[in-house]
Amino acid sequence: MRIEQLTFTRFVAALSIVVFHYGKNIAPFNHLSISFLFTQANVGVSYFFILSGFVMIIAYGNQLVINTLEYYKNRIARIYPVYFLAIVLVFTFKLFGKSVINVVDLALNIFSLQAWIPGKALSFNGVGWSLSVEFLFYALFPFLFNYIYSKKYSFKWLSSVILLVFVVTQLVLHWFLSSVYYHGFPSPGHDFIYYFPLMHLNEFLIGNAVGLLFIKQLKHKTGSYDIPIISLVVLIGIVLKYPIGLEFHNGLLAILFVPLIVFVALNNGLLTRIMKLKWFVYLGEISFGVYILQRPVFNYSNFLFGKLGVQNPTFLFYVAIVVLVIVAGLSYSFIETPLRYYIKTYRSKAS
């Protein structure tokens, strides 16, 4: 089961995170009326994690059991090649720039362990920390599905456990941020509370729970939900504008992201017809490349144009965005898709 309209939302989240990293001071994102959205657009990672949990259930929910090794193989083939490409590009940039290359940081990134070590989460290719988190999700999912989700456990019991994990995570996060142990960014404490994989497990589990509910009770309730979707987007903006001391990085916005995902999944209105257009779906397909390749692409783009004497930050930003989308598209066509096809062919021949 595939829900095309959700695919484009990945691109929106990925591009928002790129703006958070590189475009907060660039027009129009620095305009007073909307700048608050992009100074907090890192919540897009939380959306990724929740959506990942939801999509995993949608993809596998009709199966009786998941073949664990096949699942691992497919997930690694889908994500790791582009992740590794980003590491190679960052390594090459550092090498030719004669920057110091920390071998430990490089090794942690290659094995996607950096987020487990406070102080190392943002090392090398900074956004790669989220892959440390995702790989935890992928490691757990076959066991969660085969031994919990596919059994006849009460959904109320399951959702209660997940709610408890969510509440504990939010309490720990907000307590730590106001404690004497938190020393701001950058610090090992900041890495622990924001990037440590277990601090994000609640988001994936929430996505799983909503996916189970969707398959069992909601998937046939399609309709035109454009107005609820727009209302939720506006509400998310209001919450980000007036956070009243709350921190949303570790899943608190699930309260709004969850109904947004469900309404988008069920919607057959104008917004869905737009989001299902070929090019919008394609942008969603390449969104992981847009996310994971942002640092090396911006590094190379800014360096090369700098050599040409171009210093205008607005020009550099928008050129890098275009280059990033092109590189992500090339990566999708020549790395991600061929490898997925190879694995599918290999499985067919093996059988």
C-alpha atoms as a PDB file:
ATOM      1  CA  MET A   1       0.000   0.000   0.000  1.00  0.00           C
ATOM      2  CA  ARG A   2       1.426   3.352  -1.044  1.00  0.00           C
ATOM      3  CA  ILE A   3       0.001   6.793  -0.306  1.00  0.00           C
ATOM      4  CA  GLU A   4       1.394   9.074  -3.012  1.00  0.00           C
ATOM      5  CA  GLN A   5       0.321  12.400  -1.539  1.00  0.00           C
ATOM      6  CA  LEU A   6       2.395  11.853   1.599  1.00  0.00           C
ATOM      7  CA  THR A   7       5.546  11.595  -0.513  1.00  0.00           C
ATOM      8  CA  PHE A   8       5.637  15.295  -1.367  1.00  0.00           C
ATOM      9  CA  THR A   9       5.387  16.263   2.305  1.00  0.00           C
ATOM     10  CA  ARG A  10       8.838  14.710   2.778  1.00  0.00           C
ATOM     11  CA  PHE A  11      10.277  17.160   0.283  1.00  0.00           C
ATOM     12  CA  VAL A  12       8.622  20.093   2.051  1.00  0.00           C
ATOM     13  CA  ALA A  13      10.105  18.954   5.369  1.00  0.00           C
ATOM     14  CA  ALA A  14      13.546  18.331   3.839  1.00  0.00           C
ATOM     15  CA  LEU A  15      13.650  21.710   2.107  1.00  0.00           C
ATOM     16  CA  SER A  16      12.528  23.450   5.304  1.00  0.00           C
ATOM     17  CA  ILE A  17      15.440  21.850   7.152  1.00  0.00           C
ATOM     18  CA  VAL A  18      17.853  23.035   4.443  1.00  0.00           C
ATOM     19  CA  VAL A  19      16.510  26.568   4.906  1.00  0.00           C
ATOM     20  CA  PHE A  20      16.945  26.164   8.677  1.00  0.00           C
ATOM     21  CA  HIS A  21      20.624  25.333   8.160  1.00  0.00           C
ATOM     22  CA  TYR A  22      21.548  27.686   5.339  1.00  0.00           C
ATOM     23  CA  GLY A  23      18.773  30.153   4.540  1.00  0.00           C
ATOM     24  CA  LYS A  24      17.420  31.627   7.760  1.00  0.00           C
ATOM     25  CA  ASN A  25      19.015  34.984   6.935  1.00  0.00           C
ATOM     26  CA  ILE A  26      18.033  34.919   3.261  1.00  0.00           C
ATOM     27  CA  ALA A  27      14.937  36.607   1.799  1.00  0.00           C
ATOM     28  CA  PRO A  28      12.085  35.822   2.044  1.00  0.00           C
ATOM     29  CA  PHE A  29      12.786  33.413   4.926  1.00  0.00           C
ATOM     30  CA  ASN A  30      14.202  36.187   7.120  1.00  0.00           C
ATOM     31  CA  HIS A  31      11.083  38.327   6.843  1.00  0.00           C
ATOM     32  CA  LEU A  32       9.686  39.096  10.277  1.00  0.00           C
ATOM     33  CA  SER A  33       6.275  37.642   9.416  1.00  0.00           C
ATOM     34  CA  ILE A  34       7.599  34.129   8.696  1.00  0.00           C
ATOM     35  CA  SER A  35      11.152  33.949  10.071  1.00  0.00           C
ATOM     36  CA  PHE A  36       9.973  32.138  13.216  1.00  0.00           C
ATOM     37  CA  LEU A  37       8.950  29.186  11.028  1.00  0.00           C
ATOM     38  CA  PHE A  38      12.427  28.690   9.632  1.00  0.00           C
ATOM     39  CA  THR A  39      14.332  29.276  12.856  1.00  0.00           C
ATOM     40  CA  GLN A  40      12.417  26.238  14.154  1.00  0.00           C
ATOM     41  CA  ALA A  41      12.197  24.231  10.938  1.00  0.00           C
ATOM     42  CA  ASN A  42      14.399  21.530  12.459  1.00  0.00           C
ATOM     43  CA  VAL A  43      11.112  20.097  13.759  1.00  0.00           C
ATOM     44  CA  GLY A  44      10.902  18.690  10.250  1.00  0.00           C
ATOM     45  CA  VAL A  45      13.147  15.870  11.475  1.00  0.00           C
ATOM     46  CA  SER A  46      10.499  14.976  14.050  1.00  0.00           C
ATOM     47  CA  TYR A  47       7.962  14.873  11.215  1.00  0.00           C
ATOM     48  CA  PHE A  48      10.291  12.512   9.316  1.00  0.00           C
ATOM     49  CA  PHE A  49      10.488  10.135  12.277  1.00  0.00           C
ATOM     50  CA  ILE A  50       6.726  10.041  12.833  1.00  0.00           C
ATOM     51  CA  LEU A  51       6.029   9.631   9.123  1.00  0.00           C
ATOM     52  CA  SER A  52       8.654   6.878   8.945  1.00  0.00           C
ATOM     53  CA  GLY A  53       6.844   4.928  11.652  1.00  0.00           C
ATOM     54  CA  PHE A  54       3.506   5.433   9.913  1.00  0.00           C
ATOM     55  CA  VAL A  55       4.793   4.442   6.471  1.00  0.00           C
ATOM     56  CA  MET A  56       6.489   1.301   7.801  1.00  0.00           C
ATOM     57  CA  ILE A  57       3.120   0.021   9.025  1.00  0.00           C
ATOM     58  CA  ILE A  58       1.366   1.035   5.806  1.00  0.00           C
ATOM     59  CA  ALA A  59       4.001  -0.822   3.778  1.00  0.00           C
ATOM     60  CA  TYR A  60       4.057  -4.014   5.857  1.00  0.00           C
ATOM     61  CA  GLY A  61       0.743  -3.957   7.705  1.00  0.00           C
ATOM     62  CA  ASN A  62      -0.959  -6.563   5.527  1.00  0.00           C
ATOM     63  CA  GLN A  63       1.819  -9.111   5.985  1.00  0.00           C
ATOM     64  CA  LEU A  64       1.633 -11.817   8.621  1.00  0.00           C
ATOM     65  CA  VAL A  65       5.346 -11.695   9.307  1.00  0.00           C
ATOM     66  CA  ILE A  66       8.366  -9.678   8.182  1.00  0.00           C
ATOM     67  CA  ASN A  67      11.453 -11.468   6.916  1.00  0.00           C
ATOM     68  CA  THR A  68      13.980  -9.693   9.111  1.00  0.00           C
ATOM     69  CA  LEU A  69      17.045 -10.140   6.915  1.00  0.00           C
ATOM     70  CA  GLU A  70      15.186  -9.101   3.763  1.00  0.00           C
ATOM     71  CA  TYR A  71      13.829  -6.064   5.575  1.00  0.00           C
ATOM     72  CA  TYR A  72      17.294  -5.020   6.743  1.00  0.00           C
ATOM     73  CA  LYS A  73      18.702  -5.545   3.265  1.00  0.00           C
ATOM     74  CA  ASN A  74      16.012  -3.399   1.659  1.00  0.00           C
ATOM     75  CA  ARG A  75      16.329  -0.560   4.149  1.00  0.00           C
ATOM     76  CA  ILE A  76      20.114  -0.454   3.911  1.00  0.00           C
ATOM     77  CA  ALA A  77      19.977  -0.519   0.111  1.00  0.00           C
ATOM     78  CA  ARG A  78      17.458   2.333   0.091  1.00  0.00           C
ATOM     79  CA  ILE A  79      19.292   4.650   2.455  1.00  0.00           C
ATOM     80  CA  TYR A  80      22.917   3.749   3.065  1.00  0.00           C
ATOM     81  CA  PRO A  81      24.397   4.298  -0.439  1.00  0.00           C
ATOM     82  CA  VAL A  82      23.353   7.973  -0.503  1.00  0.00           C
ATOM     83  CA  TYR A  83      24.327   8.362   3.136  1.00  0.00           C
ATOM     84  CA  PHE A  84      27.772   6.957   2.307  1.00  0.00           C
ATOM     85  CA  LEU A  85      28.016   9.197  -0.769  1.00  0.00           C
ATOM     86  CA  ALA A  86      27.494  12.217   1.492  1.00  0.00           C
ATOM     87  CA  ILE A  87      30.305  11.005   3.772  1.00  0.00           C
ATOM     88  CA  VAL A  88      32.644  10.562   0.782  1.00  0.00           C
ATOM     89  CA  LEU A  89      31.843  14.059  -0.493  1.00  0.00           C
ATOM     90  CA  VAL A  90      32.453  15.637   2.917  1.00  0.00           C
ATOM     91  CA  PHE A  91      35.667  13.623   3.320  1.00  0.00           C
ATOM     92  CA  THR A  92      36.910  14.730  -0.114  1.00  0.00           C
ATOM     93  CA  PHE A  93      36.098  18.369   0.621  1.00  0.00           C
ATOM     94  CA  LYS A  94      38.004  18.208   3.897  1.00  0.00           C
ATOM     95  CA  LEU A  95      40.895  16.389   2.244  1.00  0.00           C
ATOM     96  CA  PHE A  96      41.383  18.921  -0.543  1.00  0.00           C
ATOM     97  CA  GLY A  97      40.785  21.762   1.889  1.00  0.00           C
ATOM     98  CA  LYS A  98      43.553  20.338   4.069  1.00  0.00           C
ATOM     99  CA  SER A  99      41.218  20.252   7.066  1.00  0.00           C
ATOM    100  CA  VAL A 100      41.939  17.940   9.970  1.00  0.00           C
ATOM    101  CA  ILE A 101      40.072  14.656   9.543  1.00  0.00           C
ATOM    102  CA  ASN A 102      39.153  13.014  12.822  1.00  0.00           C
ATOM    103  CA  VAL A 103      39.383   9.267  12.196  1.00  0.00           C
ATOM    104  CA  VAL A 104      37.054   8.469  15.105  1.00  0.00           C
ATOM    105  CA  ASP A 105      34.419  10.861  13.763  1.00  0.00           C
ATOM    106  CA  LEU A 106      34.761   9.321  10.312  1.00  0.00           C
ATOM    107  CA  ALA A 107      34.390   5.776  11.657  1.00  0.00           C
ATOM    108  CA  LEU A 108      31.373   6.687  13.785  1.00  0.00           C
ATOM    109  CA  ASN A 109      29.696   8.234  10.743  1.00  0.00           C
ATOM    110  CA  ILE A 110      30.476   5.298   8.463  1.00  0.00           C
ATOM    111  CA  PHE A 111      28.849   2.910  10.926  1.00  0.00           C
ATOM    112  CA  SER A 112      26.101   5.434  11.729  1.00  0.00           C
ATOM    113  CA  LEU A 113      26.885   5.426  15.446  1.00  0.00           C
ATOM    114  CA  GLN A 114      27.601   9.128  15.947  1.00  0.00           C
ATOM    115  CA  ALA A 115      24.323  10.030  17.677  1.00  0.00           C
ATOM    116  CA  TRP A 116      24.982   7.394  20.351  1.00  0.00           C
ATOM    117  CA  ILE A 117      28.078   9.308  21.521  1.00  0.00           C
ATOM    118  CA  PRO A 118      27.313  12.708  23.103  1.00  0.00           C
ATOM    119  CA  GLY A 119      29.662  15.247  21.587  1.00  0.00           C
ATOM    120  CA  LYS A 120      29.902  13.360  18.288  1.00  0.00           C
ATOM    121  CA  ALA A 121      26.336  13.555  16.964  1.00  0.00           C
ATOM    122  CA  LEU A 122      26.989  16.430  14.551  1.00  0.00           C
ATOM    123  CA  SER A 123      30.471  15.332  13.550  1.00  0.00           C
ATOM    124  CA  PHE A 124      31.466  15.085   9.900  1.00  0.00           C
ATOM    125  CA  ASN A 125      28.149  15.291   8.033  1.00  0.00           C
ATOM    126  CA  GLY A 126      26.031  16.932  10.715  1.00  0.00           C
ATOM    127  CA  VAL A 127      22.589  15.875   9.496  1.00  0.00           C
ATOM    128  CA  GLY A 128      23.729  12.249   9.512  1.00  0.00           C
ATOM    129  CA  TRP A 129      22.796  12.027  13.198  1.00  0.00           C
ATOM    130  CA  SER A 130      19.215  11.328  12.134  1.00  0.00           C
ATOM    131  CA  LEU A 131      20.382   8.170  10.347  1.00  0.00           C
ATOM    132  CA  SER A 132      21.750   6.862  13.649  1.00  0.00           C
ATOM    133  CA  VAL A 133      18.214   7.288  14.927  1.00  0.00           C
ATOM    134  CA  GLU A 134      16.579   5.780  11.842  1.00  0.00           C
ATOM    135  CA  PHE A 135      18.816   2.716  11.990  1.00  0.00           C
ATOM    136  CA  LEU A 136      17.631   2.121  15.552  1.00  0.00           C
ATOM    137  CA  PHE A 137      14.061   2.221  14.245  1.00  0.00           C
ATOM    138  CA  TYR A 138      14.896  -0.193  11.452  1.00  0.00           C
ATOM    139  CA  ALA A 139      16.695  -2.549  13.829  1.00  0.00           C
ATOM    140  CA  LEU A 140      13.656  -2.705  16.109  1.00  0.00           C
ATOM    141  CA  PHE A 141      10.811  -2.706  13.604  1.00  0.00           C
ATOM    142  CA  PRO A 142      10.829  -6.381  12.484  1.00  0.00           C
ATOM    143  CA  PHE A 143      10.760  -7.490  16.121  1.00  0.00           C
ATOM    144  CA  LEU A 144       8.049  -4.991  17.048  1.00  0.00           C
ATOM    145  CA  PHE A 145       5.975  -6.111  14.072  1.00  0.00           C
ATOM    146  CA  ASN A 146       6.500  -9.867  14.368  1.00  0.00           C
ATOM    147  CA  TYR A 147       6.142 -10.173  18.134  1.00  0.00           C
ATOM    148  CA  ILE A 148       3.870  -7.293  19.135  1.00  0.00           C
ATOM    149  CA  TYR A 149       2.010  -5.562  16.302  1.00  0.00           C
ATOM    150  CA  SER A 150       0.970  -8.748  14.473  1.00  0.00           C
ATOM    151  CA  LYS A 151      -0.280 -10.388  17.663  1.00  0.00           C
ATOM    152  CA  LYS A 152      -3.740  -9.925  19.117  1.00  0.00           C
ATOM    153  CA  TYR A 153      -2.705  -7.393  21.711  1.00  0.00           C
ATOM    154  CA  SER A 154      -5.258  -4.773  22.658  1.00  0.00           C
ATOM    155  CA  PHE A 155      -4.705  -1.543  20.733  1.00  0.00           C
ATOM    156  CA  LYS A 156      -5.599   0.352  23.906  1.00  0.00           C
ATOM    157  CA  TRP A 157      -2.822  -1.459  25.768  1.00  0.00           C
ATOM    158  CA  LEU A 158      -0.328  -0.837  22.984  1.00  0.00           C
ATOM    159  CA  SER A 159      -1.224   2.829  22.600  1.00  0.00           C
ATOM    160  CA  SER A 160      -1.043   3.295  26.385  1.00  0.00           C
ATOM    161  CA  VAL A 161       2.529   1.988  26.446  1.00  0.00           C
ATOM    162  CA  ILE A 162       3.513   4.246  23.547  1.00  0.00           C
ATOM    163  CA  LEU A 163       1.820   7.216  25.206  1.00  0.00           C
ATOM    164  CA  LEU A 164       3.842   6.506  28.347  1.00  0.00           C
ATOM    165  CA  VAL A 165       7.082   6.497  26.315  1.00  0.00           C
ATOM    166  CA  PHE A 166       6.014   9.809  24.744  1.00  0.00           C
ATOM    167  CA  VAL A 167       5.208  11.453  28.078  1.00  0.00           C
ATOM    168  CA  VAL A 168       8.415  10.254  29.749  1.00  0.00           C
ATOM    169  CA  THR A 169      10.474  11.523  26.798  1.00  0.00           C
ATOM    170  CA  GLN A 170       8.890  14.975  26.966  1.00  0.00           C
ATOM    171  CA  LEU A 171       9.308  15.183  30.746  1.00  0.00           C
ATOM    172  CA  VAL A 172      12.974  14.179  30.556  1.00  0.00           C
ATOM    173  CA  LEU A 173      13.592  16.660  27.725  1.00  0.00           C
ATOM    174  CA  HIS A 174      12.012  19.648  29.444  1.00  0.00           C
ATOM    175  CA  TRP A 175      13.489  18.800  32.844  1.00  0.00           C
ATOM    176  CA  PHE A 176      16.992  18.456  31.416  1.00  0.00           C
ATOM    177  CA  LEU A 177      16.779  21.714  29.449  1.00  0.00           C
ATOM    178  CA  SER A 178      15.972  23.626  32.647  1.00  0.00           C
ATOM    179  CA  SER A 179      18.506  21.792  34.821  1.00  0.00           C
ATOM    180  CA  VAL A 180      22.084  22.667  35.777  1.00  0.00           C
ATOM    181  CA  TYR A 181      23.251  19.776  33.588  1.00  0.00           C
ATOM    182  CA  TYR A 182      22.350  21.532  30.347  1.00  0.00           C
ATOM    183  CA  HIS A 183      25.046  23.869  29.042  1.00  0.00           C
ATOM    184  CA  GLY A 184      23.535  24.857  25.722  1.00  0.00           C
ATOM    185  CA  PHE A 185      24.822  24.279  22.215  1.00  0.00           C
ATOM    186  CA  PRO A 186      27.374  22.930  21.570  1.00  0.00           C
ATOM    187  CA  SER A 187      27.846  20.535  24.462  1.00  0.00           C
ATOM    188  CA  PRO A 188      27.621  16.785  25.110  1.00  0.00           C
ATOM    189  CA  GLY A 189      24.456  17.439  27.116  1.00  0.00           C
ATOM    190  CA  HIS A 190      22.857  19.147  24.130  1.00  0.00           C
ATOM    191  CA  ASP A 191      23.807  16.207  21.925  1.00  0.00           C
ATOM    192  CA  PHE A 192      22.306  13.768  24.404  1.00  0.00           C
ATOM    193  CA  ILE A 193      18.982  15.477  24.865  1.00  0.00           C
ATOM    194  CA  TYR A 194      18.447  16.435  21.207  1.00  0.00           C
ATOM    195  CA  TYR A 195      20.127  13.695  19.194  1.00  0.00           C
ATOM    196  CA  PHE A 196      20.427  10.541  21.315  1.00  0.00           C
ATOM    197  CA  PRO A 197      18.429   7.854  19.447  1.00  0.00           C
ATOM    198  CA  LEU A 198      16.352   6.705  22.417  1.00  0.00           C
ATOM    199  CA  MET A 199      15.120  10.280  22.872  1.00  0.00           C
ATOM    200  CA  HIS A 200      13.379   9.937  19.492  1.00  0.00           C
ATOM    201  CA  LEU A 201      11.983   6.430  19.772  1.00  0.00           C
ATOM    202  CA  ASN A 202       8.629   7.848  20.876  1.00  0.00           C
ATOM    203  CA  GLU A 203       8.157   9.495  17.470  1.00  0.00           C
ATOM    204  CA  PHE A 204       8.606   6.274  15.511  1.00  0.00           C
ATOM    205  CA  LEU A 205       6.363   4.333  17.903  1.00  0.00           C
ATOM    206  CA  ILE A 206       3.653   6.978  17.600  1.00  0.00           C
ATOM    207  CA  GLY A 207       3.866   6.659  13.819  1.00  0.00           C
ATOM    208  CA  ASN A 208       3.531   2.880  14.163  1.00  0.00           C
ATOM    209  CA  ALA A 209       0.473   3.189  16.395  1.00  0.00           C
ATOM    210  CA  VAL A 210      -1.242   5.621  14.050  1.00  0.00           C
ATOM    211  CA  GLY A 211      -0.410   3.359  11.108  1.00  0.00           C
ATOM    212  CA  LEU A 212      -2.048   0.407  12.851  1.00  0.00           C
ATOM    213  CA  LEU A 213      -5.134   2.493  13.605  1.00  0.00           C
ATOM    214  CA  PHE A 214      -5.213   3.713  10.008  1.00  0.00           C
ATOM    215  CA  ILE A 215      -5.126   0.201   8.549  1.00  0.00           C
ATOM    216  CA  LYS A 216      -7.700  -1.215  10.954  1.00  0.00           C
ATOM    217  CA  GLN A 217     -10.222   1.603  11.169  1.00  0.00           C
ATOM    218  CA  LEU A 218      -9.479   4.679   9.066  1.00  0.00           C
ATOM    219  CA  LYS A 219      -8.230   3.789   5.594  1.00  0.00           C
ATOM    220  CA  HIS A 220     -11.714   3.677   4.048  1.00  0.00           C
ATOM    221  CA  LYS A 221     -12.758   7.078   5.434  1.00  0.00           C
ATOM    222  CA  THR A 222     -11.462   9.033   2.460  1.00  0.00           C
ATOM    223  CA  GLY A 223     -12.904  12.414   1.602  1.00  0.00           C
ATOM    224  CA  SER A 224     -12.093  16.029   0.878  1.00  0.00           C
ATOM    225  CA  TYR A 225     -10.059  17.166   3.875  1.00  0.00           C
ATOM    226  CA  ASP A 226      -8.390  20.239   2.389  1.00  0.00           C
ATOM    227  CA  ILE A 227      -9.786  22.550   5.067  1.00  0.00           C
ATOM    228  CA  PRO A 228      -8.660  20.400   8.048  1.00  0.00           C
ATOM    229  CA  ILE A 229      -5.199  20.080   6.450  1.00  0.00           C
ATOM    230  CA  ILE A 230      -4.846  23.825   5.931  1.00  0.00           C
ATOM    231  CA  SER A 231      -6.175  24.444   9.447  1.00  0.00           C
ATOM    232  CA  LEU A 232      -3.595  22.081  10.947  1.00  0.00           C
ATOM    233  CA  VAL A 233      -0.754  23.728   9.010  1.00  0.00           C
ATOM    234  CA  VAL A 234      -1.890  27.127  10.287  1.00  0.00           C
ATOM    235  CA  LEU A 235      -2.163  25.744  13.817  1.00  0.00           C
ATOM    236  CA  ILE A 236       1.377  24.351  13.618  1.00  0.00           C
ATOM    237  CA  GLY A 237       2.539  27.812  12.566  1.00  0.00           C
ATOM    238  CA  ILE A 238       0.740  29.408  15.525  1.00  0.00           C
ATOM    239  CA  VAL A 239       2.277  26.924  17.954  1.00  0.00           C
ATOM    240  CA  LEU A 240       5.759  27.643  16.575  1.00  0.00           C
ATOM    241  CA  LYS A 241       5.089  31.376  16.824  1.00  0.00           C
ATOM    242  CA  TYR A 242       3.983  31.104  20.456  1.00  0.00           C
ATOM    243  CA  PRO A 243       5.826  28.091  21.942  1.00  0.00           C
ATOM    244  CA  ILE A 244       5.190  29.234  25.558  1.00  0.00           C
ATOM    245  CA  GLY A 245       8.448  27.671  26.701  1.00  0.00           C
ATOM    246  CA  LEU A 246       7.881  24.288  25.079  1.00  0.00           C
ATOM    247  CA  GLU A 247      10.483  22.399  23.035  1.00  0.00           C
ATOM    248  CA  PHE A 248       9.199  20.571  19.962  1.00  0.00           C
ATOM    249  CA  HIS A 249      12.343  18.872  18.637  1.00  0.00           C
ATOM    250  CA  ASN A 250      11.725  15.444  20.186  1.00  0.00           C
ATOM    251  CA  GLY A 251       8.160  14.708  19.205  1.00  0.00           C
ATOM    252  CA  LEU A 252       5.886  17.082  21.100  1.00  0.00           C
ATOM    253  CA  LEU A 253       4.425  18.289  17.802  1.00  0.00           C
ATOM    254  CA  ALA A 254       3.157  14.753  17.201  1.00  0.00           C
ATOM    255  CA  ILE A 255      -0.051  16.128  18.678  1.00  0.00           C
ATOM    256  CA  LEU A 256      -0.468  18.069  15.416  1.00  0.00           C
ATOM    257  CA  PHE A 257       1.709  16.063  13.023  1.00  0.00           C
ATOM    258  CA  VAL A 258      -0.346  12.901  13.570  1.00  0.00           C
ATOM    259  CA  PRO A 259      -3.732  14.325  12.494  1.00  0.00           C
ATOM    260  CA  LEU A 260      -1.973  16.135   9.640  1.00  0.00           C
ATOM    261  CA  ILE A 261      -0.505  12.865   8.336  1.00  0.00           C
ATOM    262  CA  VAL A 262      -3.845  11.064   8.701  1.00  0.00           C
ATOM    263  CA  PHE A 263      -5.843  13.779   6.942  1.00  0.00           C
ATOM    264  CA  VAL A 264      -3.313  13.993   4.101  1.00  0.00           C
ATOM    265  CA  ALA A 265      -3.404  10.198   3.752  1.00  0.00           C
ATOM    266  CA  LEU A 266      -7.215  10.166   3.579  1.00  0.00           C
ATOM    267  CA  ASN A 267      -7.646  13.287   1.487  1.00  0.00           C
ATOM    268  CA  ASN A 268      -8.948  13.161  -2.074  1.00  0.00           C
ATOM    269  CA  GLY A 269      -9.447  16.899  -2.424  1.00  0.00           C
ATOM    270  CA  LEU A 270      -7.605  19.543  -4.440  1.00  0.00           C
ATOM    271  CA  LEU A 271      -4.472  19.456  -2.281  1.00  0.00           C
ATOM    272  CA  THR A 272      -4.053  15.742  -2.881  1.00  0.00           C
ATOM    273  CA  ARG A 273      -4.574  16.128  -6.619  1.00  0.00           C
ATOM    274  CA  ILE A 274      -1.782  18.704  -6.597  1.00  0.00           C
ATOM    275  CA  MET A 275       0.544  16.654  -4.387  1.00  0.00           C
ATOM    276  CA  LYS A 276       0.045  13.593  -6.602  1.00  0.00           C
ATOM    277  CA  LEU A 277       1.271  15.413  -9.695  1.00  0.00           C
ATOM    278  CA  LYS A 278       4.220  13.590 -11.231  1.00  0.00           C
ATOM    279  CA  TRP A 279       6.866  16.198 -10.442  1.00  0.00           C
ATOM    280  CA  PHE A 280       5.726  16.686  -6.864  1.00  0.00           C
ATOM    281  CA  VAL A 281       5.864  12.935  -6.241  1.00  0.00           C
ATOM    282  CA  TYR A 282       9.332  12.908  -7.817  1.00  0.00           C
ATOM    283  CA  LEU A 283      10.511  15.679  -5.487  1.00  0.00           C
ATOM    284  CA  GLY A 284       9.257  13.589  -2.596  1.00  0.00           C
ATOM    285  CA  GLU A 285      11.163  10.578  -3.891  1.00  0.00           C
ATOM    286  CA  ILE A 286      14.457  12.493  -3.963  1.00  0.00           C
ATOM    287  CA  SER A 287      13.852  14.210  -0.622  1.00  0.00           C
ATOM    288  CA  PHE A 288      16.243  11.973   1.306  1.00  0.00           C
ATOM    289  CA  GLY A 289      19.036  13.010  -1.037  1.00  0.00           C
ATOM    290  CA  VAL A 290      18.050  16.662  -0.575  1.00  0.00           C
ATOM    291  CA  TYR A 291      18.313  16.180   3.171  1.00  0.00           C
ATOM    292  CA  ILE A 292      21.479  14.086   3.502  1.00  0.00           C
ATOM    293  CA  LEU A 293      23.511  15.781   0.739  1.00  0.00           C
ATOM    294  CA  GLN A 294      22.876  19.364   1.828  1.00  0.00           C
ATOM    295  CA  ARG A 295      26.183  19.929   3.611  1.00  0.00           C
ATOM    296  CA  PRO A 296      28.544  18.645   0.904  1.00  0.00           C
ATOM    297  CA  VAL A 297      26.576  20.346  -1.878  1.00  0.00           C
ATOM    298  CA  PHE A 298      26.564  23.700  -0.087  1.00  0.00           C
ATOM    299  CA  ASN A 299      30.260  23.293   0.743  1.00  0.00           C
ATOM    300  CA  TYR A 300      31.254  22.624  -2.858  1.00  0.00           C
ATOM    301  CA  SER A 301      28.859  25.153  -4.381  1.00  0.00           C
ATOM    302  CA  ASN A 302      29.929  28.002  -2.099  1.00  0.00           C
ATOM    303  CA  PHE A 303      33.599  27.119  -2.554  1.00  0.00           C
ATOM    304  CA  LEU A 304      33.445  27.025  -6.355  1.00  0.00           C
ATOM    305  CA  PHE A 305      31.449  30.230  -6.708  1.00  0.00           C
ATOM    306  CA  GLY A 306      33.688  31.853  -4.111  1.00  0.00           C
ATOM    307  CA  LYS A 307      36.648  31.054  -6.352  1.00  0.00           C
ATOM    308  CA  LEU A 308      34.809  32.894  -9.125  1.00  0.00           C
ATOM    309  CA  GLY A 309      34.483  35.930  -6.894  1.00  0.00           C
ATOM    310  CA  VAL A 310      30.772  35.511  -6.167  1.00  0.00           C
ATOM    311  CA  GLN A 311      30.039  36.587  -2.601  1.00  0.00           C
ATOM    312  CA  ASN A 312      26.345  37.477  -2.634  1.00  0.00           C
ATOM    313  CA  PRO A 313      24.783  35.183   0.011  1.00  0.00           C
ATOM    314  CA  THR A 314      21.327  35.230  -1.586  1.00  0.00           C
ATOM    315  CA  PHE A 315      22.702  34.178  -4.971  1.00  0.00           C
ATOM    316  CA  LEU A 316      24.896  31.502  -3.380  1.00  0.00           C
ATOM    317  CA  PHE A 317      21.970  30.086  -1.401  1.00  0.00           C
ATOM    318  CA  TYR A 318      19.542  29.765  -4.296  1.00  0.00           C
ATOM    319  CA  VAL A 319      22.167  28.381  -6.671  1.00  0.00           C
ATOM    320  CA  ALA A 320      23.102  25.780  -4.055  1.00  0.00           C
ATOM    321  CA  ILE A 321      19.419  24.829  -3.670  1.00  0.00           C
ATOM    322  CA  VAL A 322      19.133  24.220  -7.412  1.00  0.00           C
ATOM    323  CA  VAL A 323      22.374  22.227  -7.442  1.00  0.00           C
ATOM    324  CA  LEU A 324      21.193  20.239  -4.415  1.00  0.00           C
ATOM    325  CA  VAL A 325      17.945  19.209  -6.112  1.00  0.00           C
ATOM    326  CA  ILE A 326      19.847  18.227  -9.271  1.00  0.00           C
ATOM    327  CA  VAL A 327      22.434  16.197  -7.347  1.00  0.00           C
ATOM    328  CA  ALA A 328      19.690  14.518  -5.297  1.00  0.00           C
ATOM    329  CA  GLY A 329      17.894  13.631  -8.535  1.00  0.00           C
ATOM    330  CA  LEU A 330      21.049  12.157 -10.040  1.00  0.00           C
ATOM    331  CA  SER A 331      21.667  10.196  -6.859  1.00  0.00           C
ATOM    332  CA  TYR A 332      18.115   8.857  -6.946  1.00  0.00           C
ATOM    333  CA  SER A 333      18.377   7.822 -10.600  1.00  0.00           C
ATOM    334  CA  PHE A 334      21.875   6.366 -10.606  1.00  0.00           C
ATOM    335  CA  ILE A 335      22.395   5.113  -7.040  1.00  0.00           C
ATOM    336  CA  GLU A 336      19.164   4.523  -5.121  1.00  0.00           C
ATOM    337  CA  THR A 337      16.911   3.154  -7.878  1.00  0.00           C
ATOM    338  CA  PRO A 338      19.487   0.815  -9.502  1.00  0.00           C
ATOM    339  CA  LEU A 339      20.401  -0.700  -6.144  1.00  0.00           C
ATOM    340  CA  ARG A 340      16.774  -1.335  -5.255  1.00  0.00           C
ATOM    341  CA  TYR A 341      16.265  -2.977  -8.649  1.00  0.00           C
ATOM    342  CA  TYR A 342      19.390  -5.082  -8.165  1.00  0.00           C
ATOM    343  CA  ILE A 343      18.145  -6.385  -4.825  1.00  0.00           C
ATOM    344  CA  LYS A 344      14.693  -7.164  -6.248  1.00  0.00           C
ATOM    345  CA  THR A 345      16.286  -9.060  -9.143  1.00  0.00           C
ATOM    346  CA  TYR A 346      18.624 -10.889  -6.790  1.00  0.00           C
ATOM    347  CA  ARG A 347      15.690 -12.059  -4.662  1.00  0.00           C
ATOM    348  CA  SER A 348      13.804 -13.232  -7.769  1.00  0.00           C
ATOM    349  CA  LYS A 349      16.772 -15.217  -9.044  1.00  0.00           C
ATOM    350  CA  ALA A 350      17.395 -16.715  -5.624  1.00  0.00           C
ATOM    351  CA  SER A 351      13.843 -18.036  -5.493  1.00  0.00           C
END
